[in-house]
Amino acid sequence: VVGSTLPPPSVTRHTIDLPGRSLRYTATAGALPVRDQSGRLLAEIAYV
């Protein structure tokens, strides 16, 4: 993302123990850019 002010995505792996089960999962924290039709960066929407 040219002009981005947020870091690149981070991918992490986790295991969590819950009653009667364990869950293994992949977490991703990052952002997607919002652009106009000319490609100009308007904003970034963060997500997990």
All heavy atoms as atom14 arrays in JSON, in Angstrom:
{
  "sequence": "VVGSTLPPPSVTRHTIDLPGRSLRYTATAGALPVRDQSGRLLAEIAYV",
  "atom14_mask": [
    [1, 1, 1, 1, 1, 1, 1, 0, 0, 0, 0, 0, 0, 0],
    [1, 1, 1, 1, 1, 1, 1, 0, 0, 0, 0, 0, 0, 0],
    [1, 1, 1, 1, 0, 0, 0, 0, 0, 0, 0, 0, 0, 0],
    [1, 1, 1, 1, 1, 1, 0, 0, 0, 0, 0, 0, 0, 0],
    [1, 1, 1, 1, 1, 1, 1, 0, 0, 0, 0, 0, 0, 0],
    [1, 1, 1, 1, 1, 1, 1, 1, 0, 0, 0, 0, 0, 0],
    [1, 1, 1, 1, 1, 1, 1, 0, 0, 0, 0, 0, 0, 0],
    [1, 1, 1, 1, 1, 1, 1, 0, 0, 0, 0, 0, 0, 0],
    [1, 1, 1, 1, 1, 1, 1, 0, 0, 0, 0, 0, 0, 0],
    [1, 1, 1, 1, 1, 1, 0, 0, 0, 0, 0, 0, 0, 0],
    [1, 1, 1, 1, 1, 1, 1, 0, 0, 0, 0, 0, 0, 0],
    [1, 1, 1, 1, 1, 1, 1, 0, 0, 0, 0, 0, 0, 0],
    [1, 1, 1, 1, 1, 1, 1, 1, 1, 1, 1, 0, 0, 0],
    [1, 1, 1, 1, 1, 1, 1, 1, 1, 1, 0, 0, 0, 0],
    [1, 1, 1, 1, 1, 1, 1, 0, 0, 0, 0, 0, 0, 0],
    [1, 1, 1, 1, 1, 1, 1, 1, 0, 0, 0, 0, 0, 0],
    [1, 1, 1, 1, 1, 1, 1, 1, 0, 0, 0, 0, 0, 0],
    [1, 1, 1, 1, 1, 1, 1, 1, 0, 0, 0, 0, 0, 0],
    [1, 1, 1, 1, 1, 1, 1, 0, 0, 0, 0, 0, 0, 0],
    [1, 1, 1, 1, 0, 0, 0, 0, 0, 0, 0, 0, 0, 0],
    [1, 1, 1, 1, 1, 1, 1, 1, 1, 1, 1, 0, 0, 0],
    [1, 1, 1, 1, 1, 1, 0, 0, 0, 0, 0, 0, 0, 0],
    [1, 1, 1, 1, 1, 1, 1, 1, 0, 0, 0, 0, 0, 0],
    [1, 1, 1, 1, 1, 1, 1, 1, 1, 1, 1, 0, 0, 0],
    [1, 1, 1, 1, 1, 1, 1, 1, 1, 1, 1, 1, 0, 0],
    [1, 1, 1, 1, 1, 1, 1, 0, 0, 0, 0, 0, 0, 0],
    [1, 1, 1, 1, 1, 0, 0, 0, 0, 0, 0, 0, 0, 0],
    [1, 1, 1, 1, 1, 1, 1, 0, 0, 0, 0, 0, 0, 0],
    [1, 1, 1, 1, 1, 0, 0, 0, 0, 0, 0, 0, 0, 0],
    [1, 1, 1, 1, 0, 0, 0, 0, 0, 0, 0, 0, 0, 0],
    [1, 1, 1, 1, 1, 0, 0, 0, 0, 0, 0, 0, 0, 0],
    [1, 1, 1, 1, 1, 1, 1, 1, 0, 0, 0, 0, 0, 0],
    [1, 1, 1, 1, 1, 1, 1, 0, 0, 0, 0, 0, 0, 0],
    [1, 1, 1, 1, 1, 1, 1, 0, 0, 0, 0, 0, 0, 0],
    [1, 1, 1, 1, 1, 1, 1, 1, 1, 1, 1, 0, 0, 0],
    [1, 1, 1, 1, 1, 1, 1, 1, 0, 0, 0, 0, 0, 0],
    [1, 1, 1, 1, 1, 1, 1, 1, 1, 0, 0, 0, 0, 0],
    [1, 1, 1, 1, 1, 1, 0, 0, 0, 0, 0, 0, 0, 0],
    [1, 1, 1, 1, 0, 0, 0, 0, 0, 0, 0, 0, 0, 0],
    [1, 1, 1, 1, 1, 1, 1, 1, 1, 1, 1, 0, 0, 0],
    [1, 1, 1, 1, 1, 1, 1, 1, 0, 0, 0, 0, 0, 0],
    [1, 1, 1, 1, 1, 1, 1, 1, 0, 0, 0, 0, 0, 0],
    [1, 1, 1, 1, 1, 0, 0, 0, 0, 0, 0, 0, 0, 0],
    [1, 1, 1, 1, 1, 1, 1, 1, 1, 0, 0, 0, 0, 0],
    [1, 1, 1, 1, 1, 1, 1, 1, 0, 0, 0, 0, 0, 0],
    [1, 1, 1, 1, 1, 0, 0, 0, 0, 0, 0, 0, 0, 0],
    [1, 1, 1, 1, 1, 1, 1, 1, 1, 1, 1, 1, 0, 0],
    [1, 1, 1, 1, 1, 1, 1, 0, 0, 0, 0, 0, 0, 0]
  ],
  "atom14_positions": [
    [[0.85, -1.19, 0.0], [0.0, 0.0, 0.0], [0.88, 1.24, 0.0], [1.49, 1.58, 1.01], [-0.94, 0.01, 1.23], [-1.81, 1.26, 1.21], [-1.81, -1.23, 1.24], [0.0, 0.0, 0.0], [0.0, 0.0, 0.0], [0.0, 0.0, 0.0], [0.0, 0.0, 0.0], [0.0, 0.0, 0.0], [0.0, 0.0, 0.0], [0.0, 0.0, 0.0]],
    [[0.99, 1.89, -1.15], [1.81, 3.09, -1.25], [1.16, 4.22, -0.44], [-0.03, 4.48, -0.57], [1.96, 3.51, -2.72], [2.76, 4.79, -2.81], [2.62, 2.4, -3.52], [0.0, 0.0, 0.0], [0.0, 0.0, 0.0], [0.0, 0.0, 0.0], [0.0, 0.0, 0.0], [0.0, 0.0, 0.0], [0.0, 0.0, 0.0], [0.0, 0.0, 0.0]],
    [[1.96, 4.86, 0.42], [1.44, 5.94, 1.22], [0.78, 5.5, 2.52], [0.26, 6.32, 3.26], [0.0, 0.0, 0.0], [0.0, 0.0, 0.0], [0.0, 0.0, 0.0], [0.0, 0.0, 0.0], [0.0, 0.0, 0.0], [0.0, 0.0, 0.0], [0.0, 0.0, 0.0], [0.0, 0.0, 0.0], [0.0, 0.0, 0.0], [0.0, 0.0, 0.0]],
    [[0.79, 4.2, 2.8], [0.16, 3.69, 4.01], [0.87, 4.2, 5.26], [2.1, 4.3, 5.29], [0.17, 2.17, 4.0], [-0.25, 1.65, 5.24], [0.0, 0.0, 0.0], [0.0, 0.0, 0.0], [0.0, 0.0, 0.0], [0.0, 0.0, 0.0], [0.0, 0.0, 0.0], [0.0, 0.0, 0.0], [0.0, 0.0, 0.0], [0.0, 0.0, 0.0]],
    [[0.1, 4.52, 6.28], [0.67, 4.9, 7.56], [0.52, 3.79, 8.59], [1.02, 3.91, 9.7], [-0.01, 6.18, 8.1], [-1.41, 5.92, 8.28], [0.18, 7.33, 7.13], [0.0, 0.0, 0.0], [0.0, 0.0, 0.0], [0.0, 0.0, 0.0], [0.0, 0.0, 0.0], [0.0, 0.0, 0.0], [0.0, 0.0, 0.0], [0.0, 0.0, 0.0]],
    [[-0.19, 2.72, 8.25], [-0.36, 1.59, 9.14], [0.62, 0.49, 8.78], [1.03, 0.36, 7.62], [-1.79, 1.06, 9.07], [-2.86, 2.0, 9.63], [-4.26, 1.42, 9.41], [-2.64, 2.27, 11.12], [0.0, 0.0, 0.0], [0.0, 0.0, 0.0], [0.0, 0.0, 0.0], [0.0, 0.0, 0.0], [0.0, 0.0, 0.0], [0.0, 0.0, 0.0]],
    [[1.02, -0.34, 9.76], [2.0, -1.39, 9.48], [1.42, -2.44, 8.53], [0.21, -2.54, 8.36], [2.26, -2.0, 10.87], [1.73, -1.03, 11.85], [0.62, -0.3, 11.16], [0.0, 0.0, 0.0], [0.0, 0.0, 0.0], [0.0, 0.0, 0.0], [0.0, 0.0, 0.0], [0.0, 0.0, 0.0], [0.0, 0.0, 0.0], [0.0, 0.0, 0.0]],
    [[2.3, -3.24, 7.92], [1.83, -4.36, 7.11], [1.11, -5.38, 7.99], [1.26, -5.37, 9.21], [3.1, -4.93, 6.51], [4.18, -4.49, 7.43], [3.76, -3.15, 7.94], [0.0, 0.0, 0.0], [0.0, 0.0, 0.0], [0.0, 0.0, 0.0], [0.0, 0.0, 0.0], [0.0, 0.0, 0.0], [0.0, 0.0, 0.0], [0.0, 0.0, 0.0]],
    [[0.34, -6.28, 7.4], [-0.4, -7.26, 8.2], [0.52, -8.13, 9.04], [1.64, -8.46, 8.62], [-1.15, -8.09, 7.15], [-1.23, -7.21, 5.95], [0.03, -6.39, 5.96], [0.0, 0.0, 0.0], [0.0, 0.0, 0.0], [0.0, 0.0, 0.0], [0.0, 0.0, 0.0], [0.0, 0.0, 0.0], [0.0, 0.0, 0.0], [0.0, 0.0, 0.0]],
    [[0.04, -8.51, 10.2], [0.75, -9.43, 11.08], [-0.08, -10.71, 11.23], [-1.27, -10.64, 11.55], [0.98, -8.8, 12.45], [1.5, -9.74, 13.37], [0.0, 0.0, 0.0], [0.0, 0.0, 0.0], [0.0, 0.0, 0.0], [0.0, 0.0, 0.0], [0.0, 0.0, 0.0], [0.0, 0.0, 0.0], [0.0, 0.0, 0.0], [0.0, 0.0, 0.0]],
    [[0.54, -11.86, 10.98], [-0.13, -13.15, 11.04], [0.45, -13.94, 12.2], [1.67, -14.14, 12.28], [0.02, -13.94, 9.73], [-0.71, -15.28, 9.82], [-0.48, -13.12, 8.55], [0.0, 0.0, 0.0], [0.0, 0.0, 0.0], [0.0, 0.0, 0.0], [0.0, 0.0, 0.0], [0.0, 0.0, 0.0], [0.0, 0.0, 0.0], [0.0, 0.0, 0.0]],
    [[-0.39, -14.38, 13.1], [0.06, -15.13, 14.28], [-0.78, -16.39, 14.45], [-1.94, -16.43, 14.03], [-0.02, -14.28, 15.56], [-1.35, -13.76, 15.7], [0.95, -13.12, 15.52], [0.0, 0.0, 0.0], [0.0, 0.0, 0.0], [0.0, 0.0, 0.0], [0.0, 0.0, 0.0], [0.0, 0.0, 0.0], [0.0, 0.0, 0.0], [0.0, 0.0, 0.0]],
    [[-0.19, -17.4, 15.06], [-0.89, -18.66, 15.32], [-1.08, -18.84, 16.82], [-0.18, -18.53, 17.61], [-0.09, -19.83, 14.74], [0.15, -19.72, 13.23], [-1.02, -20.26, 12.43], [-0.89, -19.91, 11.02], [-0.12, -20.55, 10.14], [0.64, -21.55, 10.55], [-0.1, -20.18, 8.87], [0.0, 0.0, 0.0], [0.0, 0.0, 0.0], [0.0, 0.0, 0.0]],
    [[-2.23, -19.39, 17.19], [-2.58, -19.48, 18.61], [-3.32, -20.77, 18.9], [-3.94, -21.36, 18.02], [-3.48, -18.3, 19.01], [-2.93, -16.96, 18.66], [-2.21, -16.19, 19.54], [-2.97, -16.24, 17.49], [-1.85, -15.06, 18.95], [-2.29, -15.07, 17.71], [0.0, 0.0, 0.0], [0.0, 0.0, 0.0], [0.0, 0.0, 0.0], [0.0, 0.0, 0.0]],
    [[-3.25, -21.17, 20.17], [-4.07, -22.26, 20.7], [-4.7, -21.78, 21.99], [-4.03, -21.15, 22.82], [-3.22, -23.52, 20.97], [-2.63, -23.96, 19.75], [-4.09, -24.63, 21.55], [0.0, 0.0, 0.0], [0.0, 0.0, 0.0], [0.0, 0.0, 0.0], [0.0, 0.0, 0.0], [0.0, 0.0, 0.0], [0.0, 0.0, 0.0], [0.0, 0.0, 0.0]],
    [[-6.0, -22.05, 22.14], [-6.69, -21.64, 23.34], [-7.47, -22.82, 23.9], [-8.11, -23.57, 23.15], [-7.62, -20.43, 23.06], [-8.12, -19.82, 24.36], [-8.78, -20.8, 22.13], [-8.76, -18.45, 24.17], [0.0, 0.0, 0.0], [0.0, 0.0, 0.0], [0.0, 0.0, 0.0], [0.0, 0.0, 0.0], [0.0, 0.0, 0.0], [0.0, 0.0, 0.0]],
    [[-7.34, -23.03, 25.21], [-8.03, -24.13, 25.88], [-9.34, -23.64, 26.47], [-9.37, -22.69, 27.26], [-7.14, -24.72, 26.99], [-5.88, -25.38, 26.43], [-5.98, -26.04, 25.37], [-4.81, -25.23, 27.05], [0.0, 0.0, 0.0], [0.0, 0.0, 0.0], [0.0, 0.0, 0.0], [0.0, 0.0, 0.0], [0.0, 0.0, 0.0], [0.0, 0.0, 0.0]],
    [[-10.42, -24.32, 26.1], [-11.76, -23.96, 26.54], [-12.42, -25.19, 27.15], [-11.93, -26.31, 26.97], [-12.58, -23.45, 25.35], [-12.02, -22.22, 24.63], [-12.77, -21.97, 23.33], [-12.1, -21.0, 25.53], [0.0, 0.0, 0.0], [0.0, 0.0, 0.0], [0.0, 0.0, 0.0], [0.0, 0.0, 0.0], [0.0, 0.0, 0.0], [0.0, 0.0, 0.0]],
    [[-13.52, -25.03, 27.88], [-14.18, -26.2, 28.46], [-14.55, -27.25, 27.42], [-15.3, -26.97, 26.48], [-15.45, -25.58, 29.09], [-15.07, -24.17, 29.39], [-14.16, -23.77, 28.26], [0.0, 0.0, 0.0], [0.0, 0.0, 0.0], [0.0, 0.0, 0.0], [0.0, 0.0, 0.0], [0.0, 0.0, 0.0], [0.0, 0.0, 0.0], [0.0, 0.0, 0.0]],
    [[-13.96, -28.43, 27.53], [-14.29, -29.53, 26.65], [-13.65, -29.49, 25.28], [-13.91, -30.38, 24.45], [0.0, 0.0, 0.0], [0.0, 0.0, 0.0], [0.0, 0.0, 0.0], [0.0, 0.0, 0.0], [0.0, 0.0, 0.0], [0.0, 0.0, 0.0], [0.0, 0.0, 0.0], [0.0, 0.0, 0.0], [0.0, 0.0, 0.0], [0.0, 0.0, 0.0]],
    [[-12.78, -28.5, 25.0], [-12.19, -28.42, 23.68], [-11.0, -27.47, 23.68], [-10.88, -26.62, 24.57], [-13.19, -27.94, 22.64], [-13.57, -26.45, 22.78], [-15.02, -26.23, 22.49], [-15.35, -24.83, 22.25], [-15.82, -24.01, 23.19], [-15.99, -24.45, 24.43], [-16.14, -22.77, 22.87], [0.0, 0.0, 0.0], [0.0, 0.0, 0.0], [0.0, 0.0, 0.0]],
    [[-10.14, -27.64, 22.68], [-9.06, -26.69, 22.41], [-9.22, -26.22, 20.97], [-9.55, -27.01, 20.09], [-7.69, -27.34, 22.6], [-7.46, -27.65, 23.96], [0.0, 0.0, 0.0], [0.0, 0.0, 0.0], [0.0, 0.0, 0.0], [0.0, 0.0, 0.0], [0.0, 0.0, 0.0], [0.0, 0.0, 0.0], [0.0, 0.0, 0.0], [0.0, 0.0, 0.0]],
    [[-8.98, -24.93, 20.75], [-9.08, -24.36, 19.42], [-7.72, -23.86, 18.98], [-7.05, -23.14, 19.71], [-10.09, -23.2, 19.41], [-11.53, -23.5, 19.78], [-12.38, -22.23, 19.69], [-12.12, -24.6, 18.91], [0.0, 0.0, 0.0], [0.0, 0.0, 0.0], [0.0, 0.0, 0.0], [0.0, 0.0, 0.0], [0.0, 0.0, 0.0], [0.0, 0.0, 0.0]],
    [[-7.33, -24.25, 17.77], [-6.13, -23.7, 17.15], [-6.59, -22.78, 16.02], [-7.42, -23.16, 15.2], [-5.24, -24.81, 16.6], [-4.66, -25.72, 17.67], [-3.52, -26.55, 17.13], [-3.89, -27.23, 15.88], [-3.01, -27.79, 15.07], [-1.72, -27.72, 15.34], [-3.42, -28.42, 13.97], [0.0, 0.0, 0.0], [0.0, 0.0, 0.0], [0.0, 0.0, 0.0]],
    [[-6.02, -21.59, 15.99], [-6.5, -20.63, 15.01], [-5.38, -19.7, 14.56], [-4.36, -19.55, 15.22], [-7.67, -19.81, 15.57], [-7.36, -19.0, 16.8], [-6.93, -17.67, 16.71], [-7.5, -19.54, 18.09], [-6.65, -16.91, 17.84], [-7.22, -18.8, 19.23], [-6.8, -17.49, 19.09], [-6.52, -16.74, 20.22], [0.0, 0.0, 0.0], [0.0, 0.0, 0.0]],
    [[-5.61, -19.1, 13.39], [-4.7, -18.11, 12.83], [-5.35, -16.74, 12.95], [-6.52, -16.57, 12.58], [-4.4, -18.41, 11.36], [-3.74, -19.68, 11.27], [-3.49, -17.34, 10.76], [0.0, 0.0, 0.0], [0.0, 0.0, 0.0], [0.0, 0.0, 0.0], [0.0, 0.0, 0.0], [0.0, 0.0, 0.0], [0.0, 0.0, 0.0], [0.0, 0.0, 0.0]],
    [[-4.61, -15.78, 13.48], [-5.12, -14.41, 13.61], [-4.33, -13.5, 12.69], [-3.11, -13.65, 12.53], [-4.98, -13.93, 15.06], [0.0, 0.0, 0.0], [0.0, 0.0, 0.0], [0.0, 0.0, 0.0], [0.0, 0.0, 0.0], [0.0, 0.0, 0.0], [0.0, 0.0, 0.0], [0.0, 0.0, 0.0], [0.0, 0.0, 0.0], [0.0, 0.0, 0.0]],
    [[-5.03, -12.57, 12.06], [-4.39, -11.57, 11.21], [-4.88, -10.19, 11.6], [-6.08, -9.95, 11.66], [-4.72, -11.82, 9.72], [-4.32, -13.13, 9.37], [-3.99, -10.81, 8.83], [0.0, 0.0, 0.0], [0.0, 0.0, 0.0], [0.0, 0.0, 0.0], [0.0, 0.0, 0.0], [0.0, 0.0, 0.0], [0.0, 0.0, 0.0], [0.0, 0.0, 0.0]],
    [[-3.94, -9.3, 11.88], [-4.26, -7.89, 12.13], [-3.65, -7.08, 11.0], [-2.47, -7.23, 10.68], [-3.71, -7.44, 13.48], [0.0, 0.0, 0.0], [0.0, 0.0, 0.0], [0.0, 0.0, 0.0], [0.0, 0.0, 0.0], [0.0, 0.0, 0.0], [0.0, 0.0, 0.0], [0.0, 0.0, 0.0], [0.0, 0.0, 0.0], [0.0, 0.0, 0.0]],
    [[-4.45, -6.25, 10.39], [-3.95, -5.46, 9.27], [-4.94, -4.41, 8.85], [-5.83, -4.02, 9.63], [0.0, 0.0, 0.0], [0.0, 0.0, 0.0], [0.0, 0.0, 0.0], [0.0, 0.0, 0.0], [0.0, 0.0, 0.0], [0.0, 0.0, 0.0], [0.0, 0.0, 0.0], [0.0, 0.0, 0.0], [0.0, 0.0, 0.0], [0.0, 0.0, 0.0]],
    [[-4.82, -3.94, 7.63], [-5.71, -2.9, 7.11], [-5.84, -3.04, 5.61], [-4.92, -3.54, 4.94], [-5.18, -1.51, 7.47], [0.0, 0.0, 0.0], [0.0, 0.0, 0.0], [0.0, 0.0, 0.0], [0.0, 0.0, 0.0], [0.0, 0.0, 0.0], [0.0, 0.0, 0.0], [0.0, 0.0, 0.0], [0.0, 0.0, 0.0], [0.0, 0.0, 0.0]],
    [[-6.97, -2.61, 5.08], [-7.19, -2.52, 3.64], [-7.34, -1.05, 3.27], [-7.94, -0.28, 4.04], [-8.44, -3.29, 3.22], [-8.39, -4.81, 3.29], [-9.7, -5.4, 2.78], [-7.22, -5.36, 2.5], [0.0, 0.0, 0.0], [0.0, 0.0, 0.0], [0.0, 0.0, 0.0], [0.0, 0.0, 0.0], [0.0, 0.0, 0.0], [0.0, 0.0, 0.0]],
    [[-6.82, -0.66, 2.11], [-6.89, 0.75, 1.72], [-8.23, 1.12, 1.11], [-8.89, 0.32, 0.47], [-5.78, 0.87, 0.67], [-5.73, -0.5, 0.04], [-6.06, -1.47, 1.15], [0.0, 0.0, 0.0], [0.0, 0.0, 0.0], [0.0, 0.0, 0.0], [0.0, 0.0, 0.0], [0.0, 0.0, 0.0], [0.0, 0.0, 0.0], [0.0, 0.0, 0.0]],
    [[-8.6, 2.36, 1.29], [-9.75, 2.97, 0.61], [-9.19, 3.95, -0.4], [-8.47, 4.88, -0.04], [-10.66, 3.71, 1.6], [-11.86, 4.32, 0.88], [-11.13, 2.77, 2.71], [0.0, 0.0, 0.0], [0.0, 0.0, 0.0], [0.0, 0.0, 0.0], [0.0, 0.0, 0.0], [0.0, 0.0, 0.0], [0.0, 0.0, 0.0], [0.0, 0.0, 0.0]],
    [[-9.49, 3.76, -1.68], [-8.95, 4.61, -2.74], [-10.08, 5.16, -3.6], [-11.17, 4.59, -3.67], [-8.01, 3.81, -3.63], [-6.8, 3.24, -2.92], [-5.85, 2.6, -3.92], [-4.74, 1.95, -3.28], [-3.64, 2.56, -2.85], [-3.53, 3.86, -3.01], [-2.67, 1.89, -2.28], [0.0, 0.0, 0.0], [0.0, 0.0, 0.0], [0.0, 0.0, 0.0]],
    [[-9.8, 6.25, -4.25], [-10.74, 6.75, -5.26], [-10.38, 6.1, -6.61], [-9.46, 5.3, -6.71], [-10.75, 8.27, -5.33], [-9.41, 8.87, -5.75], [-8.55, 8.1, -6.26], [-9.23, 10.08, -5.59], [0.0, 0.0, 0.0], [0.0, 0.0, 0.0], [0.0, 0.0, 0.0], [0.0, 0.0, 0.0], [0.0, 0.0, 0.0], [0.0, 0.0, 0.0]],
    [[-11.12, 6.45, -7.66], [-10.92, 5.78, -8.94], [-9.57, 6.09, -9.57], [-9.1, 5.35, -10.43], [-12.05, 6.18, -9.9], [-13.39, 5.55, -9.52], [-14.49, 5.91, -10.5], [-14.52, 7.02, -11.01], [-15.38, 4.97, -10.76], [0.0, 0.0, 0.0], [0.0, 0.0, 0.0], [0.0, 0.0, 0.0], [0.0, 0.0, 0.0], [0.0, 0.0, 0.0]],
    [[-8.94, 7.16, -9.14], [-7.62, 7.49, -9.68], [-6.51, 6.76, -8.96], [-5.34, 6.85, -9.34], [-7.38, 9.01, -9.58], [-7.24, 9.4, -8.22], [0.0, 0.0, 0.0], [0.0, 0.0, 0.0], [0.0, 0.0, 0.0], [0.0, 0.0, 0.0], [0.0, 0.0, 0.0], [0.0, 0.0, 0.0], [0.0, 0.0, 0.0], [0.0, 0.0, 0.0]],
    [[-6.86, 6.02, -7.9], [-5.86, 5.3, -7.13], [-5.35, 6.05, -5.93], [-4.49, 5.55, -5.19], [0.0, 0.0, 0.0], [0.0, 0.0, 0.0], [0.0, 0.0, 0.0], [0.0, 0.0, 0.0], [0.0, 0.0, 0.0], [0.0, 0.0, 0.0], [0.0, 0.0, 0.0], [0.0, 0.0, 0.0], [0.0, 0.0, 0.0], [0.0, 0.0, 0.0]],
    [[-5.83, 7.26, -5.72], [-5.37, 8.07, -4.57], [-5.85, 7.45, -3.27], [-7.03, 7.11, -3.11], [-5.91, 9.49, -4.71], [-5.47, 10.45, -3.6], [-5.92, 11.86, -3.9], [-7.35, 11.97, -4.03], [-8.13, 12.7, -3.23], [-7.59, 13.41, -2.25], [-9.42, 12.78, -3.43], [0.0, 0.0, 0.0], [0.0, 0.0, 0.0], [0.0, 0.0, 0.0]],
    [[-4.93, 7.29, -2.32], [-5.28, 6.72, -1.02], [-6.09, 7.72, -0.21], [-5.65, 8.84, 0.03], [-4.01, 6.34, -0.25], [-4.23, 5.7, 1.12], [-4.89, 4.34, 0.99], [-2.9, 5.58, 1.88], [0.0, 0.0, 0.0], [0.0, 0.0, 0.0], [0.0, 0.0, 0.0], [0.0, 0.0, 0.0], [0.0, 0.0, 0.0], [0.0, 0.0, 0.0]],
    [[-7.29, 7.31, 0.2], [-8.16, 8.17, 0.99], [-8.12, 7.82, 2.47], [-8.15, 8.7, 3.32], [-9.61, 8.05, 0.49], [-9.86, 8.39, -0.97], [-11.31, 8.14, -1.32], [-9.47, 9.83, -1.25], [0.0, 0.0, 0.0], [0.0, 0.0, 0.0], [0.0, 0.0, 0.0], [0.0, 0.0, 0.0], [0.0, 0.0, 0.0], [0.0, 0.0, 0.0]],
    [[-8.06, 6.53, 2.76], [-8.13, 6.08, 4.16], [-7.7, 4.63, 4.22], [-7.51, 3.96, 3.19], [-9.53, 6.26, 4.71], [0.0, 0.0, 0.0], [0.0, 0.0, 0.0], [0.0, 0.0, 0.0], [0.0, 0.0, 0.0], [0.0, 0.0, 0.0], [0.0, 0.0, 0.0], [0.0, 0.0, 0.0], [0.0, 0.0, 0.0], [0.0, 0.0, 0.0]],
    [[-7.55, 4.13, 5.44], [-7.25, 2.72, 5.68], [-8.21, 2.18, 6.74], [-8.42, 2.81, 7.77], [-5.81, 2.54, 6.14], [-4.78, 2.95, 5.1], [-3.38, 2.93, 5.67], [-2.97, 3.93, 6.28], [-2.7, 1.89, 5.51], [0.0, 0.0, 0.0], [0.0, 0.0, 0.0], [0.0, 0.0, 0.0], [0.0, 0.0, 0.0], [0.0, 0.0, 0.0]],
    [[-8.8, 1.03, 6.45], [-9.72, 0.39, 7.37], [-9.02, -0.79, 8.03], [-8.63, -1.76, 7.35], [-11.0, -0.08, 6.65], [-11.79, 1.14, 6.14], [-11.87, -0.92, 7.57], [-13.07, 0.79, 5.4], [0.0, 0.0, 0.0], [0.0, 0.0, 0.0], [0.0, 0.0, 0.0], [0.0, 0.0, 0.0], [0.0, 0.0, 0.0], [0.0, 0.0, 0.0]],
    [[-8.85, -0.71, 9.34], [-8.16, -1.77, 10.09], [-9.14, -2.9, 10.42], [-10.34, -2.69, 10.56], [-7.56, -1.19, 11.37], [0.0, 0.0, 0.0], [0.0, 0.0, 0.0], [0.0, 0.0, 0.0], [0.0, 0.0, 0.0], [0.0, 0.0, 0.0], [0.0, 0.0, 0.0], [0.0, 0.0, 0.0], [0.0, 0.0, 0.0], [0.0, 0.0, 0.0]],
    [[-8.59, -4.09, 10.56], [-9.4, -5.26, 10.88], [-8.57, -6.27, 11.66], [-7.33, -6.25, 11.65], [-9.93, -5.92, 9.59], [-8.84, -6.53, 8.75], [-8.46, -7.86, 8.92], [-8.16, -5.77, 7.8], [-7.44, -8.41, 8.17], [-7.13, -6.31, 7.04], [-6.78, -7.64, 7.24], [-5.75, -8.19, 6.51], [0.0, 0.0, 0.0], [0.0, 0.0, 0.0]],
    [[-9.26, -7.18, 12.33], [-8.64, -8.36, 12.92], [-9.47, -9.55, 12.46], [-10.69, -9.57, 12.62], [-8.6, -8.31, 14.46], [-8.05, -9.62, 15.02], [-7.77, -7.13, 14.93], [0.0, 0.0, 0.0], [0.0, 0.0, 0.0], [0.0, 0.0, 0.0], [0.0, 0.0, 0.0], [0.0, 0.0, 0.0], [0.0, 0.0, 0.0], [0.0, 0.0, 0.0]]
  ]
}
